[in-house]
Amino acid sequence: MSLVVLRGAVRGELAGRVACESIVAMLVFAGVGWIAGWIADYLIRDTLQRSFRARVDWYRKGLIEAGLVKKDLPRD
């Protein structure tokens, strides 16, 4: 937004036009940021969930190998 305002000041454009362009630029970047945040959130949640499930499977296998529980544990 500030880049659009600076450009408008350098070129001597009207304040109303500069304000409209800066608002549009701000909305575009807000949309891009929202999408990037959504993707990052999805990837982080997926990674943590996979890591957690792998750790639980490792733990269950260790219990079975140690003979502390029966082999037919429910998965969920």
C-alpha atoms as a PDB file:
ATOM      1  CA  MET A   1       0.000   0.000   0.000  1.00  0.00           C
ATOM      2  CA  SER A   2       2.804   2.395   0.856  1.00  0.00           C
ATOM      3  CA  LEU A   3       4.517   1.704  -2.478  1.00  0.00           C
ATOM      4  CA  VAL A   4       1.382   2.747  -4.337  1.00  0.00           C
ATOM      5  CA  VAL A   5       1.151   5.909  -2.244  1.00  0.00           C
ATOM      6  CA  LEU A   6       4.811   6.748  -2.893  1.00  0.00           C
ATOM      7  CA  ARG A   7       4.384   6.149  -6.608  1.00  0.00           C
ATOM      8  CA  GLY A   8       1.344   8.421  -6.650  1.00  0.00           C
ATOM      9  CA  ALA A   9       3.243  11.147  -4.791  1.00  0.00           C
ATOM     10  CA  VAL A  10       6.177  10.958  -7.203  1.00  0.00           C
ATOM     11  CA  ARG A  11       3.937  11.087 -10.274  1.00  0.00           C
ATOM     12  CA  GLY A  12       1.657  13.756  -8.826  1.00  0.00           C
ATOM     13  CA  GLU A  13      -1.513  11.654  -9.134  1.00  0.00           C
ATOM     14  CA  LEU A  14      -4.782  12.535  -7.430  1.00  0.00           C
ATOM     15  CA  ALA A  15      -5.235  11.278  -3.874  1.00  0.00           C
ATOM     16  CA  GLY A  16      -8.550   9.562  -4.646  1.00  0.00           C
ATOM     17  CA  ARG A  17      -7.067   7.460  -7.427  1.00  0.00           C
ATOM     18  CA  VAL A  18      -4.011   6.583  -5.364  1.00  0.00           C
ATOM     19  CA  ALA A  19      -6.214   5.565  -2.428  1.00  0.00           C
ATOM     20  CA  CYS A  20      -8.314   3.263  -4.628  1.00  0.00           C
ATOM     21  CA  GLU A  21      -5.237   1.626  -6.139  1.00  0.00           C
ATOM     22  CA  SER A  22      -3.615   1.169  -2.744  1.00  0.00           C
ATOM     23  CA  ILE A  23      -6.763  -0.445  -1.333  1.00  0.00           C
ATOM     24  CA  VAL A  24      -6.898  -2.850  -4.271  1.00  0.00           C
ATOM     25  CA  ALA A  25      -3.208  -3.695  -3.780  1.00  0.00           C
ATOM     26  CA  MET A  26      -3.815  -4.277  -0.076  1.00  0.00           C
ATOM     27  CA  LEU A  27      -6.755  -6.606  -0.806  1.00  0.00           C
ATOM     28  CA  VAL A  28      -4.737  -8.589  -3.353  1.00  0.00           C
ATOM     29  CA  PHE A  29      -1.865  -9.083  -0.932  1.00  0.00           C
ATOM     30  CA  ALA A  30      -4.279  -9.954   1.882  1.00  0.00           C
ATOM     31  CA  GLY A  31      -5.789 -12.643  -0.354  1.00  0.00           C
ATOM     32  CA  VAL A  32      -2.390 -14.021  -1.277  1.00  0.00           C
ATOM     33  CA  GLY A  33      -1.394 -14.050   2.402  1.00  0.00           C
ATOM     34  CA  TRP A  34      -4.604 -15.835   3.373  1.00  0.00           C
ATOM     35  CA  ILE A  35      -4.032 -18.545   0.767  1.00  0.00           C
ATOM     36  CA  ALA A  36      -0.377 -18.965   1.766  1.00  0.00           C
ATOM     37  CA  GLY A  37      -1.398 -19.211   5.428  1.00  0.00           C
ATOM     38  CA  TRP A  38      -4.072 -21.785   4.672  1.00  0.00           C
ATOM     39  CA  ILE A  39      -1.577 -23.924   2.729  1.00  0.00           C
ATOM     40  CA  ALA A  40       1.028 -23.659   5.498  1.00  0.00           C
ATOM     41  CA  ASP A  41      -1.566 -24.585   8.126  1.00  0.00           C
ATOM     42  CA  TYR A  42      -2.635 -27.646   6.118  1.00  0.00           C
ATOM     43  CA  LEU A  43       0.937 -28.822   5.579  1.00  0.00           C
ATOM     44  CA  ILE A  44       1.915 -28.351   9.217  1.00  0.00           C
ATOM     45  CA  ARG A  45      -1.183 -30.143  10.495  1.00  0.00           C
ATOM     46  CA  ASP A  46      -0.605 -33.028   8.081  1.00  0.00           C
ATOM     47  CA  THR A  47       3.047 -33.338   9.078  1.00  0.00           C
ATOM     48  CA  LEU A  48       2.259 -33.299  12.790  1.00  0.00           C
ATOM     49  CA  GLN A  49      -0.526 -35.828  12.375  1.00  0.00           C
ATOM     50  CA  ARG A  50       1.704 -38.210  10.423  1.00  0.00           C
ATOM     51  CA  SER A  51       4.485 -37.826  12.979  1.00  0.00           C
ATOM     52  CA  PHE A  52       2.091 -38.486  15.848  1.00  0.00           C
ATOM     53  CA  ARG A  53       0.613 -41.577  14.191  1.00  0.00           C
ATOM     54  CA  ALA A  54       4.101 -42.944  13.442  1.00  0.00           C
ATOM     55  CA  ARG A  55       5.107 -42.391  17.063  1.00  0.00           C
ATOM     56  CA  VAL A  56       1.976 -44.161  18.366  1.00  0.00           C
ATOM     57  CA  ASP A  57       2.572 -47.103  16.000  1.00  0.00           C
ATOM     58  CA  TRP A  58       6.195 -47.308  17.181  1.00  0.00           C
ATOM     59  CA  TYR A  59       5.019 -47.283  20.805  1.00  0.00           C
ATOM     60  CA  ARG A  60       2.410 -49.987  20.205  1.00  0.00           C
ATOM     61  CA  LYS A  61       4.931 -52.181  18.415  1.00  0.00           C
ATOM     62  CA  GLY A  62       7.308 -51.791  21.350  1.00  0.00           C
ATOM     63  CA  LEU A  63       4.606 -52.861  23.790  1.00  0.00           C
ATOM     64  CA  ILE A  64       3.780 -55.900  21.678  1.00  0.00           C
ATOM     65  CA  GLU A  65       7.454 -56.887  21.324  1.00  0.00           C
ATOM     66  CA  ALA A  66       7.947 -56.545  25.073  1.00  0.00           C
ATOM     67  CA  GLY A  67       4.971 -58.842  25.623  1.00  0.00           C
ATOM     68  CA  LEU A  68       3.098 -56.288  27.717  1.00  0.00           C
ATOM     69  CA  VAL A  69      -0.048 -56.319  25.569  1.00  0.00           C
ATOM     70  CA  LYS A  70      -1.771 -58.650  23.156  1.00  0.00           C
ATOM     71  CA  LYS A  71      -1.158 -58.308  19.444  1.00  0.00           C
ATOM     72  CA  ASP A  72      -4.764 -57.433  18.555  1.00  0.00           C
ATOM     73  CA  LEU A  73      -4.822 -53.818  19.768  1.00  0.00           C
ATOM     74  CA  PRO A  74      -7.381 -51.581  18.083  1.00  0.00           C
ATOM     75  CA  ARG A  75      -5.790 -49.061  15.698  1.00  0.00           C
ATOM     76  CA  ASP A  76      -7.937 -46.073  16.649  1.00  0.00           C
END
